[in-house]
N, C-alpha and C. Protein backbone atom coordinates (compact mmCIF):
# COMPACT_ATOMS: atom_id res chain seq x y z
N MET A 1 -85.77 49.30 -10.51
CA MET A 1 -86.09 48.82 -9.55
C MET A 1 -85.56 47.93 -8.30
N ALA A 2 -84.52 48.64 -7.39
CA ALA A 2 -84.11 47.50 -6.89
C ALA A 2 -84.89 46.89 -5.39
N THR A 3 -84.37 46.00 -5.44
CA THR A 3 -85.12 44.71 -4.14
C THR A 3 -84.22 44.41 -3.06
N LYS A 4 -84.98 44.09 -2.23
CA LYS A 4 -83.95 43.48 -1.22
C LYS A 4 -84.83 42.32 -0.05
N SER A 5 -84.44 41.52 -0.24
CA SER A 5 -85.02 40.28 0.15
C SER A 5 -85.18 40.85 2.00
N VAL A 6 -86.71 40.73 2.79
CA VAL A 6 -86.29 40.80 3.94
C VAL A 6 -86.63 39.79 5.40
N MET A 7 -87.17 38.96 4.73
CA MET A 7 -87.74 37.64 4.99
C MET A 7 -87.91 36.62 4.29
N SER A 8 -86.84 35.20 4.62
CA SER A 8 -87.15 33.98 3.89
C SER A 8 -88.20 33.11 4.16
N SER A 9 -88.46 32.20 3.24
CA SER A 9 -89.29 31.52 3.80
C SER A 9 -89.79 30.18 4.84
N SER A 10 -88.58 30.30 5.67
CA SER A 10 -87.71 29.92 7.05
C SER A 10 -87.96 30.63 7.94
N GLU A 11 -88.35 31.94 7.63
CA GLU A 11 -88.24 33.01 8.75
C GLU A 11 -89.79 33.57 8.72
N ILE A 12 -90.64 33.35 7.80
CA ILE A 12 -91.82 33.50 7.54
C ILE A 12 -92.66 32.71 8.55
N ASP A 13 -91.89 31.69 8.23
CA ASP A 13 -92.16 30.10 9.26
C ASP A 13 -92.29 30.14 10.61
N ARG A 14 -90.89 30.51 11.18
CA ARG A 14 -90.66 31.03 12.51
C ARG A 14 -91.35 32.22 12.67
N ALA A 15 -91.66 33.27 12.16
CA ALA A 15 -92.64 34.22 12.69
C ALA A 15 -94.20 33.67 12.90
N LEU A 16 -94.62 32.99 12.04
CA LEU A 16 -96.09 32.50 11.91
C LEU A 16 -95.90 31.63 13.57
N THR A 17 -94.66 30.82 13.28
CA THR A 17 -95.26 29.56 14.78
C THR A 17 -95.09 30.55 16.01
N ARG A 18 -93.93 31.93 15.91
CA ARG A 18 -93.93 32.73 17.15
C ARG A 18 -95.54 33.66 17.45
N MET A 19 -96.18 33.47 16.54
CA MET A 19 -97.51 34.32 16.33
C MET A 19 -98.52 33.77 16.84
N ALA A 20 -98.52 32.51 16.19
CA ALA A 20 -99.41 31.25 16.97
C ALA A 20 -99.24 31.12 18.25
N HIS A 21 -98.42 31.29 18.86
CA HIS A 21 -98.02 30.78 20.14
C HIS A 21 -98.48 32.23 20.81
N GLU A 22 -97.71 33.25 20.53
CA GLU A 22 -98.62 34.26 21.25
C GLU A 22 -100.04 34.92 21.22
N ILE A 23 -100.77 34.30 20.12
CA ILE A 23 -102.06 34.37 20.26
C ILE A 23 -102.57 33.24 21.36
N VAL A 24 -102.14 31.96 21.38
CA VAL A 24 -102.89 31.15 21.94
C VAL A 24 -102.28 31.83 23.52
N GLU A 25 -101.66 32.13 23.69
CA GLU A 25 -100.91 32.45 25.12
C GLU A 25 -102.17 34.11 25.73
N LYS A 26 -101.92 34.58 24.74
CA LYS A 26 -103.11 35.97 25.48
C LYS A 26 -104.48 35.06 25.49
N HIS A 27 -104.71 34.40 24.71
CA HIS A 27 -106.16 34.05 24.98
C HIS A 27 -106.30 32.92 26.11
N LYS A 28 -105.30 32.26 26.33
CA LYS A 28 -105.20 31.20 27.59
C LYS A 28 -105.92 29.91 26.63
N GLY A 29 -105.43 29.72 25.54
CA GLY A 29 -105.91 28.94 24.61
C GLY A 29 -106.50 28.74 23.38
N ALA A 30 -107.23 28.38 22.45
CA ALA A 30 -107.45 28.17 21.21
C ALA A 30 -109.04 28.33 21.10
N SER A 31 -109.65 28.19 22.45
CA SER A 31 -111.11 28.08 22.83
C SER A 31 -111.77 29.63 22.51
N GLY A 32 -112.98 29.51 21.97
CA GLY A 32 -113.73 30.97 21.73
C GLY A 32 -112.99 31.70 20.69
N LEU A 33 -111.90 30.95 19.76
CA LEU A 33 -110.97 32.06 19.03
C LEU A 33 -111.19 31.72 17.01
N VAL A 34 -111.39 32.69 16.68
CA VAL A 34 -112.20 32.76 15.18
C VAL A 34 -110.78 33.48 14.56
N LEU A 35 -110.21 33.10 13.53
CA LEU A 35 -109.40 33.61 12.69
C LEU A 35 -109.70 33.75 11.23
N ILE A 36 -109.47 35.51 11.03
CA ILE A 36 -110.43 35.81 9.65
C ILE A 36 -109.15 36.62 8.81
N GLY A 37 -108.80 35.52 7.64
CA GLY A 37 -107.98 36.79 6.86
C GLY A 37 -108.59 37.86 6.00
N ILE A 38 -107.85 38.75 5.66
CA ILE A 38 -108.48 39.46 5.03
C ILE A 38 -108.04 38.88 3.47
N ARG A 39 -108.83 38.93 2.78
CA ARG A 39 -108.26 38.67 1.30
C ARG A 39 -107.44 39.81 0.45
N THR A 40 -106.44 39.59 0.22
CA THR A 40 -105.91 38.06 -0.62
C THR A 40 -105.01 37.93 0.34
N GLY A 41 -103.53 38.40 1.10
CA GLY A 41 -102.50 37.77 1.50
C GLY A 41 -102.95 37.29 3.08
N GLY A 42 -103.91 37.58 3.64
CA GLY A 42 -104.21 37.16 4.68
C GLY A 42 -104.64 35.81 5.05
N ALA A 43 -105.71 35.86 3.89
CA ALA A 43 -106.45 34.35 4.01
C ALA A 43 -105.68 33.12 4.40
N PRO A 44 -103.83 32.93 3.55
CA PRO A 44 -103.33 31.87 3.61
C PRO A 44 -103.05 32.23 4.81
N LEU A 45 -102.40 33.05 5.68
CA LEU A 45 -101.92 33.49 6.12
C LEU A 45 -102.58 32.79 7.75
N ALA A 46 -103.77 33.31 7.52
CA ALA A 46 -104.90 32.85 8.81
C ALA A 46 -104.72 31.16 8.51
N SER A 47 -104.80 30.73 7.34
CA SER A 47 -104.79 29.09 7.71
C SER A 47 -103.85 28.61 8.65
N ARG A 48 -102.58 29.47 7.75
CA ARG A 48 -101.32 28.87 8.17
C ARG A 48 -101.44 29.27 9.80
N LEU A 49 -102.09 30.33 10.51
CA LEU A 49 -101.95 30.38 11.88
C LEU A 49 -103.04 29.43 12.90
N THR A 50 -104.01 29.00 11.71
CA THR A 50 -105.01 28.41 12.29
C THR A 50 -104.26 26.85 12.72
N GLU A 51 -103.54 26.18 11.56
CA GLU A 51 -102.61 25.14 11.56
C GLU A 51 -101.48 24.99 12.49
N LYS A 52 -101.04 26.16 12.99
CA LYS A 52 -100.06 26.30 13.96
C LYS A 52 -100.67 26.12 15.24
N ILE A 53 -101.87 26.70 15.25
CA ILE A 53 -102.54 26.97 16.81
C ILE A 53 -102.71 25.53 17.01
N ALA A 54 -103.47 24.86 16.42
CA ALA A 54 -104.01 23.30 15.93
C ALA A 54 -102.62 22.69 16.49
N LEU A 55 -101.89 22.81 16.06
CA LEU A 55 -100.42 21.81 16.45
C LEU A 55 -100.12 22.00 17.73
N ALA A 56 -100.49 23.22 18.26
CA ALA A 56 -100.03 23.93 19.98
C ALA A 56 -101.21 23.12 20.64
N GLU A 57 -102.23 23.46 20.46
CA GLU A 57 -103.28 23.28 21.47
C GLU A 57 -104.31 22.06 21.45
N GLY A 58 -103.82 21.09 20.13
CA GLY A 58 -104.74 19.99 19.73
C GLY A 58 -106.37 20.37 19.51
N SER A 59 -106.54 21.35 19.26
CA SER A 59 -107.87 21.84 18.46
C SER A 59 -107.80 23.09 17.69
N LYS A 60 -108.68 22.87 16.72
CA LYS A 60 -108.19 23.87 15.83
C LYS A 60 -109.32 24.98 15.36
N PRO A 61 -108.90 26.47 16.11
CA PRO A 61 -109.95 27.51 15.79
C PRO A 61 -110.53 27.61 14.24
N PRO A 62 -111.81 27.85 14.32
CA PRO A 62 -112.79 28.10 12.84
C PRO A 62 -111.79 29.31 11.95
N THR A 63 -111.59 29.43 10.89
CA THR A 63 -110.96 30.14 10.06
C THR A 63 -112.13 30.65 9.12
N GLY A 64 -112.01 31.92 8.82
CA GLY A 64 -113.00 32.60 7.50
C GLY A 64 -112.21 33.55 7.01
N ILE A 65 -112.53 34.02 5.66
CA ILE A 65 -112.11 34.68 4.62
C ILE A 65 -112.94 36.10 4.81
N LEU A 66 -112.31 37.25 4.54
CA LEU A 66 -113.13 38.31 4.46
C LEU A 66 -112.51 39.03 3.13
N ASP A 67 -113.83 39.56 2.41
CA ASP A 67 -113.42 40.22 1.34
C ASP A 67 -113.68 41.87 1.64
N ILE A 68 -112.96 42.80 1.54
CA ILE A 68 -112.96 44.08 1.99
C ILE A 68 -113.61 45.61 0.91
N ASN A 69 -113.38 44.60 -0.61
CA ASN A 69 -113.10 45.47 -1.12
C ASN A 69 -114.36 46.65 -1.92
N LEU A 70 -115.69 46.33 -0.91
CA LEU A 70 -116.83 47.63 -1.21
C LEU A 70 -116.79 48.36 -0.18
N TYR A 71 -115.57 48.08 0.98
CA TYR A 71 -115.68 49.12 1.92
C TYR A 71 -114.30 49.85 2.18
N ARG A 72 -113.32 49.55 0.67
CA ARG A 72 -112.13 50.63 1.00
C ARG A 72 -112.72 52.10 0.69
N ASP A 73 -111.75 52.99 0.96
CA ASP A 73 -112.28 54.48 0.78
C ASP A 73 -111.24 55.11 -0.37
N ASP A 74 -110.72 54.17 -1.27
CA ASP A 74 -110.11 54.71 -2.41
C ASP A 74 -110.54 53.87 -3.71
N TRP A 75 -112.02 53.00 -3.48
CA TRP A 75 -111.96 52.37 -4.73
C TRP A 75 -112.38 53.05 -5.63
N SER A 76 -113.06 54.45 -5.53
CA SER A 76 -113.65 55.11 -6.52
C SER A 76 -112.18 55.83 -7.51
N ARG A 77 -111.20 56.09 -6.71
CA ARG A 77 -110.12 56.41 -6.93
C ARG A 77 -109.40 55.73 -8.04
N LEU A 78 -109.56 54.06 -8.24
CA LEU A 78 -108.73 53.52 -8.52
C LEU A 78 -109.37 53.67 -10.25
N GLY A 79 -110.64 53.62 -10.71
CA GLY A 79 -110.68 53.74 -11.92
C GLY A 79 -111.38 52.72 -12.78
N GLN A 80 -111.99 52.09 -11.50
CA GLN A 80 -112.84 50.91 -12.20
C GLN A 80 -113.41 50.55 -10.78
N HIS A 81 -114.30 49.79 -11.03
CA HIS A 81 -115.49 49.22 -10.03
C HIS A 81 -114.32 47.96 -9.06
N PRO A 82 -114.82 47.67 -7.85
CA PRO A 82 -113.92 46.96 -7.27
C PRO A 82 -114.70 45.95 -8.19
N VAL A 83 -113.48 44.51 -7.67
CA VAL A 83 -113.79 43.11 -8.19
C VAL A 83 -114.57 42.44 -6.79
N VAL A 84 -115.85 42.52 -6.13
CA VAL A 84 -116.36 41.76 -5.00
C VAL A 84 -116.07 40.30 -5.08
N ARG A 85 -115.30 39.68 -4.18
CA ARG A 85 -115.23 37.93 -3.98
C ARG A 85 -115.69 37.79 -3.14
N LYS A 86 -115.94 36.39 -2.58
CA LYS A 86 -116.90 36.17 -1.75
C LYS A 86 -116.33 35.96 0.09
N THR A 87 -117.04 36.36 0.59
CA THR A 87 -116.56 36.29 1.69
C THR A 87 -116.88 35.26 2.97
N GLU A 88 -116.44 35.05 3.25
CA GLU A 88 -116.68 32.59 3.99
C GLU A 88 -115.96 33.07 5.26
N ILE A 89 -117.11 33.28 6.18
CA ILE A 89 -116.95 33.26 7.58
C ILE A 89 -118.24 32.60 8.15
N PRO A 90 -117.48 30.72 8.68
CA PRO A 90 -117.98 29.97 8.88
C PRO A 90 -119.26 29.88 9.98
N LEU A 91 -119.64 30.45 11.14
CA LEU A 91 -120.21 30.91 12.05
C LEU A 91 -120.44 31.98 12.39
N SER A 92 -121.36 32.77 13.25
CA SER A 92 -121.61 33.97 13.79
C SER A 92 -120.29 33.87 14.54
N ILE A 93 -120.04 35.42 14.43
CA ILE A 93 -119.00 36.25 15.34
C ILE A 93 -119.29 36.78 16.49
N ASP A 94 -120.54 37.04 16.94
CA ASP A 94 -121.44 37.42 17.71
C ASP A 94 -120.49 37.17 19.26
N ASP A 95 -119.75 37.70 19.87
CA ASP A 95 -119.42 37.20 21.47
C ASP A 95 -118.36 36.53 21.16
N ARG A 96 -117.63 36.86 20.12
CA ARG A 96 -116.37 36.06 19.35
C ARG A 96 -115.12 36.58 19.49
N ASN A 97 -113.97 35.73 19.79
CA ASN A 97 -112.85 36.23 19.87
C ASN A 97 -112.39 36.40 18.65
N ILE A 98 -112.43 37.70 17.75
CA ILE A 98 -111.79 37.42 16.36
C ILE A 98 -110.24 38.05 16.63
N VAL A 99 -109.38 37.29 15.65
CA VAL A 99 -108.33 37.88 15.19
C VAL A 99 -108.11 37.74 13.83
N LEU A 100 -108.38 39.14 13.44
CA LEU A 100 -108.01 39.54 12.03
C LEU A 100 -106.68 39.37 11.29
N VAL A 101 -106.44 38.88 10.21
CA VAL A 101 -104.71 38.51 9.89
C VAL A 101 -104.79 39.04 8.49
N ASP A 102 -103.31 39.75 8.18
CA ASP A 102 -103.47 40.48 7.25
C ASP A 102 -102.13 40.18 6.77
N ASP A 103 -101.51 40.48 5.37
CA ASP A 103 -100.19 40.15 5.00
C ASP A 103 -99.46 41.33 5.74
N VAL A 104 -99.64 42.84 5.25
CA VAL A 104 -99.18 44.26 5.70
C VAL A 104 -99.69 44.98 6.41
N ILE A 105 -99.53 45.71 7.31
CA ILE A 105 -100.09 46.76 7.41
C ILE A 105 -99.06 48.17 7.30
N TYR A 106 -99.72 49.28 6.65
CA TYR A 106 -99.01 50.18 6.55
C TYR A 106 -99.50 51.30 7.05
N THR A 107 -100.93 52.10 6.17
CA THR A 107 -101.46 52.89 6.25
C THR A 107 -102.61 53.05 7.61
N GLY A 108 -103.00 51.85 7.61
CA GLY A 108 -104.27 51.62 8.72
C GLY A 108 -105.43 51.61 7.86
N ARG A 109 -105.43 51.63 6.32
CA ARG A 109 -106.72 52.13 6.15
C ARG A 109 -107.73 50.72 5.11
N THR A 110 -106.86 49.88 5.03
CA THR A 110 -107.08 48.42 5.03
C THR A 110 -107.99 47.69 6.01
N ILE A 111 -107.33 47.94 7.20
CA ILE A 111 -107.58 47.58 8.30
C ILE A 111 -108.96 48.15 9.19
N ARG A 112 -109.20 49.29 8.69
CA ARG A 112 -110.34 50.32 9.02
C ARG A 112 -111.43 49.43 7.84
N ALA A 113 -111.11 49.30 6.96
CA ALA A 113 -112.35 48.73 5.53
C ALA A 113 -112.48 47.38 6.02
N ALA A 114 -111.75 46.48 6.66
CA ALA A 114 -112.11 45.31 7.56
C ALA A 114 -112.95 45.31 8.51
N LEU A 115 -112.64 46.24 9.12
CA LEU A 115 -113.53 46.88 10.96
C LEU A 115 -114.93 46.59 10.24
N ASP A 116 -115.16 47.36 9.08
CA ASP A 116 -116.31 48.08 9.12
C ASP A 116 -117.32 46.87 8.09
N ALA A 117 -116.59 46.28 7.36
CA ALA A 117 -116.88 44.57 6.99
C ALA A 117 -117.29 43.89 8.17
N LEU A 118 -116.24 43.88 8.81
CA LEU A 118 -116.37 42.58 9.93
C LEU A 118 -118.08 43.00 11.04
N MET A 119 -118.14 44.11 10.94
CA MET A 119 -119.30 44.69 11.63
C MET A 119 -120.60 44.57 11.32
N ASP A 120 -120.57 43.91 9.74
CA ASP A 120 -121.48 43.70 9.30
C ASP A 120 -122.33 42.43 9.32
N PHE A 121 -121.50 41.66 10.08
CA PHE A 121 -121.37 39.81 10.38
C PHE A 121 -121.64 39.90 11.74
N GLY A 122 -121.75 41.01 12.64
CA GLY A 122 -122.09 40.72 13.96
C GLY A 122 -121.55 41.30 14.80
N ARG A 123 -121.45 41.63 15.97
CA ARG A 123 -120.81 42.38 17.21
C ARG A 123 -119.94 41.04 17.96
N PRO A 124 -118.58 41.50 18.02
CA PRO A 124 -117.74 40.18 17.86
C PRO A 124 -117.31 40.82 19.63
N LYS A 125 -116.82 39.82 20.96
CA LYS A 125 -116.62 40.38 21.86
C LYS A 125 -115.33 40.94 22.10
N ARG A 126 -114.28 40.69 21.20
CA ARG A 126 -113.27 41.35 21.14
C ARG A 126 -112.37 41.04 19.47
N ILE A 127 -111.83 42.21 18.86
CA ILE A 127 -111.24 42.06 17.87
C ILE A 127 -109.88 42.54 17.81
N GLN A 128 -108.80 41.73 17.57
CA GLN A 128 -107.27 42.12 17.41
C GLN A 128 -106.80 41.62 15.79
N LEU A 129 -105.80 42.41 16.07
CA LEU A 129 -105.21 42.29 14.66
C LEU A 129 -103.86 41.49 14.71
N ALA A 130 -103.18 40.32 13.47
CA ALA A 130 -102.49 40.01 13.72
C ALA A 130 -101.54 40.28 11.73
N VAL A 131 -100.45 40.75 11.77
CA VAL A 131 -100.16 40.82 10.67
C VAL A 131 -98.95 40.19 10.69
N LEU A 132 -98.12 39.73 9.17
CA LEU A 132 -96.75 39.37 9.00
C LEU A 132 -95.99 40.71 9.09
N VAL A 133 -96.57 41.54 8.30
CA VAL A 133 -94.99 42.82 8.34
C VAL A 133 -96.25 44.20 8.91
N ASP A 134 -95.38 44.91 9.82
CA ASP A 134 -95.77 45.97 10.17
C ASP A 134 -94.52 47.12 9.43
N ARG A 135 -94.74 48.08 8.38
CA ARG A 135 -94.09 48.97 7.96
C ARG A 135 -94.26 49.94 8.13
N GLY A 136 -95.12 50.23 8.95
CA GLY A 136 -95.06 51.54 9.75
C GLY A 136 -95.79 52.59 8.72
N ARG A 137 -95.53 53.83 9.45
CA ARG A 137 -96.16 55.05 8.52
C ARG A 137 -97.71 55.13 8.07
N ARG A 138 -98.23 54.93 9.81
CA ARG A 138 -99.79 54.85 9.70
C ARG A 138 -100.38 56.41 9.79
N GLU A 139 -101.55 56.16 8.73
CA GLU A 139 -102.89 57.22 9.00
C GLU A 139 -103.67 57.02 9.57
N LEU A 140 -103.74 56.23 10.50
CA LEU A 140 -105.04 55.87 10.97
C LEU A 140 -104.16 55.33 12.50
N PRO A 141 -105.00 55.56 13.68
CA PRO A 141 -104.48 55.05 14.60
C PRO A 141 -104.74 53.55 14.93
N ILE A 142 -104.16 52.43 14.05
CA ILE A 142 -104.77 51.13 13.63
C ILE A 142 -103.47 51.02 14.01
N GLN A 143 -103.12 49.76 15.58
CA GLN A 143 -102.20 48.78 15.66
C GLN A 143 -102.09 48.10 15.83
N PRO A 144 -101.08 46.61 15.44
CA PRO A 144 -101.54 45.44 15.25
C PRO A 144 -100.93 44.84 17.11
N ASP A 145 -101.83 43.57 17.22
CA ASP A 145 -101.43 43.05 18.44
C ASP A 145 -100.09 42.03 18.15
N PHE A 146 -100.28 41.00 17.32
CA PHE A 146 -99.49 39.96 16.92
C PHE A 146 -98.50 40.78 15.69
N VAL A 147 -97.42 40.77 15.83
CA VAL A 147 -96.64 41.39 14.52
C VAL A 147 -95.25 40.26 14.53
N GLY A 148 -95.55 39.69 12.93
CA GLY A 148 -93.97 38.75 12.39
C GLY A 148 -92.91 39.77 12.62
N ILE A 149 -92.84 40.86 11.63
CA ILE A 149 -91.63 41.70 11.60
C ILE A 149 -92.04 43.41 11.58
N ARG A 150 -91.40 44.15 12.28
CA ARG A 150 -91.43 45.25 12.13
C ARG A 150 -90.21 46.03 11.19
N LEU A 151 -90.83 47.00 9.86
CA LEU A 151 -89.85 47.36 9.04
C LEU A 151 -90.12 48.92 9.04
N GLN A 152 -88.90 49.72 9.10
CA GLN A 152 -89.11 51.04 8.93
C GLN A 152 -89.01 51.62 7.21
N THR A 153 -89.94 51.96 6.62
CA THR A 153 -90.07 51.78 5.23
C THR A 153 -90.42 53.94 5.50
N SER A 154 -90.01 53.96 3.90
CA SER A 154 -90.09 55.58 3.41
C SER A 154 -91.28 55.25 2.01
N SER A 155 -92.16 56.16 2.17
CA SER A 155 -92.93 56.24 1.00
C SER A 155 -92.54 55.76 -0.51
N ARG A 156 -90.98 55.94 -0.69
CA ARG A 156 -90.66 55.39 -2.08
C ARG A 156 -90.73 53.96 -1.83
N GLU A 157 -90.55 53.33 -1.18
CA GLU A 157 -90.74 51.29 -0.60
C GLU A 157 -92.23 50.99 -0.94
N ARG A 158 -92.06 50.00 -0.93
CA ARG A 158 -92.93 49.27 -1.38
C ARG A 158 -92.48 47.69 -0.97
N VAL A 159 -93.42 47.39 -0.10
CA VAL A 159 -93.50 45.73 0.50
C VAL A 159 -94.34 44.95 -0.16
N ASN A 160 -93.92 44.02 -0.69
CA ASN A 160 -94.53 42.93 -1.27
C ASN A 160 -94.32 41.72 -0.33
N VAL A 161 -95.72 40.73 0.07
CA VAL A 161 -94.73 39.44 0.72
C VAL A 161 -95.75 38.53 -0.70
N TYR A 162 -94.74 37.57 -0.95
CA TYR A 162 -95.20 36.35 -1.70
C TYR A 162 -95.56 35.42 -0.51
N LEU A 163 -96.53 34.92 -0.99
CA LEU A 163 -96.92 33.74 -0.39
C LEU A 163 -97.32 32.63 -1.19
N LYS A 164 -96.69 30.89 -0.84
CA LYS A 164 -96.97 29.92 -1.71
C LYS A 164 -98.11 29.55 -2.52
N GLU A 165 -98.97 29.89 -1.23
CA GLU A 165 -100.28 29.58 -2.10
C GLU A 165 -101.08 29.91 -3.07
N ILE A 166 -100.14 32.04 -3.20
CA ILE A 166 -100.73 32.64 -4.52
C ILE A 166 -99.51 32.98 -5.61
N SER A 167 -98.75 32.94 -5.26
CA SER A 167 -97.10 32.98 -6.00
C SER A 167 -96.40 31.89 -6.19
N GLY A 168 -96.38 31.04 -5.19
CA GLY A 168 -95.37 30.04 -5.46
C GLY A 168 -94.39 29.66 -4.66
N ARG A 169 -93.97 30.97 -3.81
CA ARG A 169 -93.10 30.71 -2.85
C ARG A 169 -93.51 31.66 -1.97
N ASP A 170 -92.40 31.74 -0.94
CA ASP A 170 -92.11 32.41 0.13
C ASP A 170 -91.45 33.29 0.67
N GLU A 171 -91.82 34.56 0.60
CA GLU A 171 -90.63 35.47 0.65
C GLU A 171 -91.27 37.26 1.11
N VAL A 172 -90.84 37.84 1.80
CA VAL A 172 -91.11 39.66 1.62
C VAL A 172 -89.97 39.94 1.03
N VAL A 173 -89.91 41.00 0.58
CA VAL A 173 -89.06 41.77 -0.63
C VAL A 173 -89.64 43.31 -0.41
N ILE A 174 -88.41 44.33 0.10
CA ILE A 174 -88.73 45.88 -0.18
C ILE A 174 -87.89 46.37 -1.68
N GLU A 175 -89.24 46.73 -2.03
CA GLU A 175 -88.72 47.52 -3.60
C GLU A 175 -88.63 48.92 -3.59
N GLN A 176 -87.33 49.64 -4.42
CA GLN A 176 -87.20 50.92 -4.00
C GLN A 176 -87.71 51.29 -4.99
N SER A 177 -88.36 52.37 -5.35
CA SER A 177 -88.66 52.76 -6.22
C SER A 177 -87.22 53.96 -6.67
N GLN A 178 -86.96 53.73 -8.24
CA GLN A 178 -86.20 55.00 -8.59
C GLN A 178 -86.70 56.09 -8.85
N SER A 179 -87.96 56.74 -8.90
CA SER A 179 -88.37 57.89 -9.21
C SER A 179 -88.77 58.49 -7.71
N ALA A 180 -88.84 59.77 -8.03
CA ALA A 180 -89.62 60.64 -6.32
C ALA A 180 -90.80 60.28 -6.46
């Protein structure tokens, strides 16, 4: 499998800094914001964005973690039962401005599942989406509001986001499959 690096650790950091500033600018500050990361890759990114917002604004918005495994539309095809992990949302999301955070958006199905899961916790005022990588090729009409990098990929390619909190390093790579 051929691999191509598309974001280094410093490029990921710069993209997250820019995204944090865009979020603050769009919301005219950090007041009323809640960042919720989708398990697995979105959780550490939401935490990093929260820290960057705190540096810029002097206040840290609440951060949560959302597990979507029971809401996926493909878990019955995976040949096993989904592993459900803990969702950690530290406060009511009713009438709050939520920024949902994930590492990669592709078909939009993960985000659809996350929206369904989030609605079980309340009725937010607004939900926006922040992703480190938008690789295009959507199957659902879902678009991110804040993006680290946009890539044009083929269905034969796979985008992997490595985060130091999970894999010990920060890097985004594209892997090209050798088979059709």
